[in-house]
Amino acid sequence: ATSARFGAMLSGADQAHIETLTAFGEKIGIAFQLADDVIDIASDSSQSGKTPGTDLKEGVPTLVTLQIMRSNRAEDAELKALLSAPMDDATVARVIPQLRQHQALKDARIQLHQLADEAKSLLTTLPAGPARSALENLCHAIVERTA
């Protein structure tokens, strides 16, 4: 959000546009992080350039893992236990397929799409032109990198 805000300020934008771009930056920043979380689970390294399960091995909480850890569903008990322990390559290889099929991943994708759509809708108050088009394309690109 701060980089979008400062960019707007340095470009000489009026206060309304500064606030719009700050809100845009907040939403698109969260969407970008969710996309990174999804990619860590859902893609293979040939697509993303990122080794699947990196966040898991490093113990980095993601929306997907946090939702599973909050779950009270009996069928999530084993997965929760695996996510609670240190991860080695064998555990990551066991957990990734389960995460790829879990509703929490589907929910994260839905939230990612919603945030990107909300960010894009904020841009309608900005003047049409190359800068606005570039930001609209950014919204699309963030969603597409998880497809």
C-alpha atoms as a PDB file:
ATOM      1  CA  ALA A   1       0.000   0.000   0.000  1.00  0.00           C
ATOM      2  CA  THR A   2       2.819   2.380   0.850  1.00  0.00           C
ATOM      3  CA  SER A   3       4.533   2.055  -2.518  1.00  0.00           C
ATOM      4  CA  ALA A   4       1.243   2.732  -4.329  1.00  0.00           C
ATOM      5  CA  ARG A   5       0.591   5.713  -2.061  1.00  0.00           C
ATOM      6  CA  PHE A   6       4.051   7.205  -2.523  1.00  0.00           C
ATOM      7  CA  GLY A   7       3.909   6.591  -6.262  1.00  0.00           C
ATOM      8  CA  ALA A   8       0.645   8.509  -6.426  1.00  0.00           C
ATOM      9  CA  MET A   9       2.016  11.318  -4.265  1.00  0.00           C
ATOM     10  CA  LEU A  10       5.216  11.652  -6.276  1.00  0.00           C
ATOM     11  CA  SER A  11       3.254  11.723  -9.517  1.00  0.00           C
ATOM     12  CA  GLY A  12       1.287  14.723  -8.283  1.00  0.00           C
ATOM     13  CA  ALA A  13      -2.043  12.906  -8.017  1.00  0.00           C
ATOM     14  CA  ASP A  14      -4.865  14.604  -6.141  1.00  0.00           C
ATOM     15  CA  GLN A  15      -5.847  13.386  -2.671  1.00  0.00           C
ATOM     16  CA  ALA A  16      -8.776  11.283  -3.912  1.00  0.00           C
ATOM     17  CA  HIS A  17      -6.525   9.393  -6.317  1.00  0.00           C
ATOM     18  CA  ILE A  18      -3.867   8.973  -3.624  1.00  0.00           C
ATOM     19  CA  GLU A  19      -6.446   7.341  -1.338  1.00  0.00           C
ATOM     20  CA  THR A  20      -7.744   5.166  -4.180  1.00  0.00           C
ATOM     21  CA  LEU A  21      -4.258   3.965  -5.045  1.00  0.00           C
ATOM     22  CA  THR A  22      -3.453   3.323  -1.387  1.00  0.00           C
ATOM     23  CA  ALA A  23      -6.546   1.115  -1.091  1.00  0.00           C
ATOM     24  CA  PHE A  24      -5.609  -0.551  -4.385  1.00  0.00           C
ATOM     25  CA  GLY A  25      -2.088  -1.226  -3.099  1.00  0.00           C
ATOM     26  CA  GLU A  26      -3.435  -2.825   0.066  1.00  0.00           C
ATOM     27  CA  LYS A  27      -5.778  -5.174  -1.792  1.00  0.00           C
ATOM     28  CA  ILE A  28      -3.377  -6.112  -4.570  1.00  0.00           C
ATOM     29  CA  GLY A  29      -0.584  -6.666  -2.041  1.00  0.00           C
ATOM     30  CA  ILE A  30      -2.701  -9.143  -0.095  1.00  0.00           C
ATOM     31  CA  ALA A  31      -3.777 -10.792  -3.359  1.00  0.00           C
ATOM     32  CA  PHE A  32      -0.116 -11.147  -4.347  1.00  0.00           C
ATOM     33  CA  GLN A  33       0.699 -12.840  -1.030  1.00  0.00           C
ATOM     34  CA  LEU A  34      -2.251 -15.207  -1.391  1.00  0.00           C
ATOM     35  CA  ALA A  35      -1.086 -16.038  -4.914  1.00  0.00           C
ATOM     36  CA  ASP A  36       2.346 -16.860  -3.516  1.00  0.00           C
ATOM     37  CA  ASP A  37       0.732 -19.099  -0.877  1.00  0.00           C
ATOM     38  CA  VAL A  38      -1.303 -20.917  -3.536  1.00  0.00           C
ATOM     39  CA  ILE A  39       1.694 -21.320  -5.842  1.00  0.00           C
ATOM     40  CA  ASP A  40       3.732 -22.852  -3.012  1.00  0.00           C
ATOM     41  CA  ILE A  41       1.168 -25.641  -2.781  1.00  0.00           C
ATOM     42  CA  ALA A  42      -0.531 -25.939  -6.155  1.00  0.00           C
ATOM     43  CA  SER A  43       2.116 -25.501  -8.820  1.00  0.00           C
ATOM     44  CA  ASP A  44       5.147 -27.474  -9.819  1.00  0.00           C
ATOM     45  CA  SER A  45       8.568 -25.895 -10.081  1.00  0.00           C
ATOM     46  CA  SER A  46       8.591 -25.978 -13.897  1.00  0.00           C
ATOM     47  CA  GLN A  47       5.594 -23.604 -13.924  1.00  0.00           C
ATOM     48  CA  SER A  48       6.421 -21.263 -11.083  1.00  0.00           C
ATOM     49  CA  GLY A  49      10.169 -21.518 -10.662  1.00  0.00           C
ATOM     50  CA  LYS A  50       9.443 -22.147  -6.981  1.00  0.00           C
ATOM     51  CA  THR A  51       9.924 -25.521  -5.321  1.00  0.00           C
ATOM     52  CA  PRO A  52       6.541 -26.676  -3.963  1.00  0.00           C
ATOM     53  CA  GLY A  53       6.375 -26.802  -0.182  1.00  0.00           C
ATOM     54  CA  THR A  54       9.085 -24.217   0.456  1.00  0.00           C
ATOM     55  CA  ASP A  55       6.853 -22.326   2.895  1.00  0.00           C
ATOM     56  CA  LEU A  56       5.926 -25.608   4.599  1.00  0.00           C
ATOM     57  CA  LYS A  57       9.569 -26.612   5.091  1.00  0.00           C
ATOM     58  CA  GLU A  58      10.420 -23.180   6.457  1.00  0.00           C
ATOM     59  CA  GLY A  59       7.434 -23.175   8.811  1.00  0.00           C
ATOM     60  CA  VAL A  60       5.918 -20.110   7.146  1.00  0.00           C
ATOM     61  CA  PRO A  61       2.209 -19.885   7.965  1.00  0.00           C
ATOM     62  CA  THR A  62      -0.046 -19.360   4.956  1.00  0.00           C
ATOM     63  CA  LEU A  63      -3.769 -18.771   4.671  1.00  0.00           C
ATOM     64  CA  VAL A  64      -4.228 -22.392   3.621  1.00  0.00           C
ATOM     65  CA  THR A  65      -2.317 -23.874   6.550  1.00  0.00           C
ATOM     66  CA  LEU A  66      -3.847 -21.441   9.046  1.00  0.00           C
ATOM     67  CA  GLN A  67      -7.360 -22.385   7.937  1.00  0.00           C
ATOM     68  CA  ILE A  68      -6.568 -26.063   8.293  1.00  0.00           C
ATOM     69  CA  MET A  69      -5.055 -25.540  11.737  1.00  0.00           C
ATOM     70  CA  ARG A  70      -8.278 -23.779  12.815  1.00  0.00           C
ATOM     71  CA  SER A  71     -10.409 -26.636  11.509  1.00  0.00           C
ATOM     72  CA  ASN A  72     -12.383 -28.786  13.919  1.00  0.00           C
ATOM     73  CA  ARG A  73     -13.124 -31.420  11.292  1.00  0.00           C
ATOM     74  CA  ALA A  74     -12.078 -34.913  12.362  1.00  0.00           C
ATOM     75  CA  GLU A  75     -10.762 -35.653   8.863  1.00  0.00           C
ATOM     76  CA  ASP A  76      -8.223 -32.823   9.259  1.00  0.00           C
ATOM     77  CA  ALA A  77      -6.642 -34.219  12.448  1.00  0.00           C
ATOM     78  CA  GLU A  78      -3.824 -36.119  10.723  1.00  0.00           C
ATOM     79  CA  LEU A  79      -3.040 -33.221   8.389  1.00  0.00           C
ATOM     80  CA  LYS A  80      -3.008 -30.807  11.339  1.00  0.00           C
ATOM     81  CA  ALA A  81      -0.551 -33.064  13.160  1.00  0.00           C
ATOM     82  CA  LEU A  82       1.720 -33.158  10.111  1.00  0.00           C
ATOM     83  CA  LEU A  83       1.531 -29.376   9.713  1.00  0.00           C
ATOM     84  CA  SER A  84       2.367 -28.872  13.393  1.00  0.00           C
ATOM     85  CA  ALA A  85       5.638 -30.787  13.215  1.00  0.00           C
ATOM     86  CA  PRO A  86       8.921 -29.840  11.545  1.00  0.00           C
ATOM     87  CA  MET A  87       8.844 -30.673   7.847  1.00  0.00           C
ATOM     88  CA  ASP A  88      11.384 -32.742   5.997  1.00  0.00           C
ATOM     89  CA  ASP A  89      11.223 -33.575   2.283  1.00  0.00           C
ATOM     90  CA  ALA A  90       9.296 -36.803   2.905  1.00  0.00           C
ATOM     91  CA  THR A  91       6.661 -35.045   4.999  1.00  0.00           C
ATOM     92  CA  VAL A  92       6.297 -32.265   2.437  1.00  0.00           C
ATOM     93  CA  ALA A  93       5.845 -34.889  -0.283  1.00  0.00           C
ATOM     94  CA  ARG A  94       3.117 -36.484   1.831  1.00  0.00           C
ATOM     95  CA  VAL A  95       1.357 -33.223   2.739  1.00  0.00           C
ATOM     96  CA  ILE A  96       1.339 -31.437  -0.646  1.00  0.00           C
ATOM     97  CA  PRO A  97      -1.153 -33.814  -2.344  1.00  0.00           C
ATOM     98  CA  GLN A  98      -3.490 -33.509   0.647  1.00  0.00           C
ATOM     99  CA  LEU A  99      -3.292 -29.715   0.563  1.00  0.00           C
ATOM    100  CA  ARG A 100      -3.926 -29.661  -3.179  1.00  0.00           C
ATOM    101  CA  GLN A 101      -7.237 -31.461  -2.608  1.00  0.00           C
ATOM    102  CA  HIS A 102      -8.259 -29.530   0.506  1.00  0.00           C
ATOM    103  CA  GLN A 103     -11.104 -27.022   0.591  1.00  0.00           C
ATOM    104  CA  ALA A 104      -8.770 -24.507   2.250  1.00  0.00           C
ATOM    105  CA  LEU A 105      -6.802 -24.211  -1.008  1.00  0.00           C
ATOM    106  CA  LYS A 106     -10.010 -23.709  -2.976  1.00  0.00           C
ATOM    107  CA  ASP A 107     -11.085 -21.053  -0.463  1.00  0.00           C
ATOM    108  CA  ALA A 108      -7.727 -19.266  -0.779  1.00  0.00           C
ATOM    109  CA  ARG A 109      -8.127 -19.162  -4.576  1.00  0.00           C
ATOM    110  CA  ILE A 110     -11.619 -17.691  -4.180  1.00  0.00           C
ATOM    111  CA  GLN A 111     -10.334 -15.038  -1.783  1.00  0.00           C
ATOM    112  CA  LEU A 112      -7.450 -14.252  -4.147  1.00  0.00           C
ATOM    113  CA  HIS A 113      -9.877 -13.705  -7.038  1.00  0.00           C
ATOM    114  CA  GLN A 114     -12.130 -11.537  -4.862  1.00  0.00           C
ATOM    115  CA  LEU A 115      -9.262  -9.326  -3.717  1.00  0.00           C
ATOM    116  CA  ALA A 116      -7.932  -8.897  -7.251  1.00  0.00           C
ATOM    117  CA  ASP A 117     -11.438  -8.022  -8.475  1.00  0.00           C
ATOM    118  CA  GLU A 118     -11.888  -5.531  -5.630  1.00  0.00           C
ATOM    119  CA  ALA A 119      -8.519  -3.960  -6.401  1.00  0.00           C
ATOM    120  CA  LYS A 120      -9.378  -3.692 -10.089  1.00  0.00           C
ATOM    121  CA  SER A 121     -12.773  -2.141  -9.360  1.00  0.00           C
ATOM    122  CA  LEU A 122     -11.081   0.632  -7.375  1.00  0.00           C
ATOM    123  CA  LEU A 123      -9.267   1.683 -10.532  1.00  0.00           C
ATOM    124  CA  THR A 124     -12.478   2.749 -12.281  1.00  0.00           C
ATOM    125  CA  THR A 125     -12.236   6.133 -10.559  1.00  0.00           C
ATOM    126  CA  LEU A 126      -8.851   6.802 -12.165  1.00  0.00           C
ATOM    127  CA  PRO A 127      -8.497   8.371 -15.598  1.00  0.00           C
ATOM    128  CA  ALA A 128      -8.260   5.882 -18.452  1.00  0.00           C
ATOM    129  CA  GLY A 129      -4.776   5.557 -19.854  1.00  0.00           C
ATOM    130  CA  PRO A 130      -1.576   3.535 -19.833  1.00  0.00           C
ATOM    131  CA  ALA A 131      -1.037   3.741 -16.053  1.00  0.00           C
ATOM    132  CA  ARG A 132      -4.536   2.508 -15.239  1.00  0.00           C
ATOM    133  CA  SER A 133      -4.275  -0.218 -17.886  1.00  0.00           C
ATOM    134  CA  ALA A 134      -0.976  -1.392 -16.406  1.00  0.00           C
ATOM    135  CA  LEU A 135      -2.548  -1.683 -12.944  1.00  0.00           C
ATOM    136  CA  GLU A 136      -5.552  -3.545 -14.368  1.00  0.00           C
ATOM    137  CA  ASN A 137      -3.145  -5.919 -16.119  1.00  0.00           C
ATOM    138  CA  LEU A 138      -1.331  -6.430 -12.822  1.00  0.00           C
ATOM    139  CA  CYS A 139      -4.595  -7.606 -11.234  1.00  0.00           C
ATOM    140  CA  HIS A 140      -5.052 -10.094 -14.043  1.00  0.00           C
ATOM    141  CA  ALA A 141      -1.426 -11.281 -13.921  1.00  0.00           C
ATOM    142  CA  ILE A 142      -1.530 -11.974 -10.186  1.00  0.00           C
ATOM    143  CA  VAL A 143      -4.580 -14.200 -10.607  1.00  0.00           C
ATOM    144  CA  GLU A 144      -3.201 -15.900 -13.715  1.00  0.00           C
ATOM    145  CA  ARG A 145       0.068 -16.902 -12.069  1.00  0.00           C
ATOM    146  CA  THR A 146      -1.925 -19.328  -9.919  1.00  0.00           C
ATOM    147  CA  ALA A 147      -3.948 -20.837 -12.783  1.00  0.00           C
END
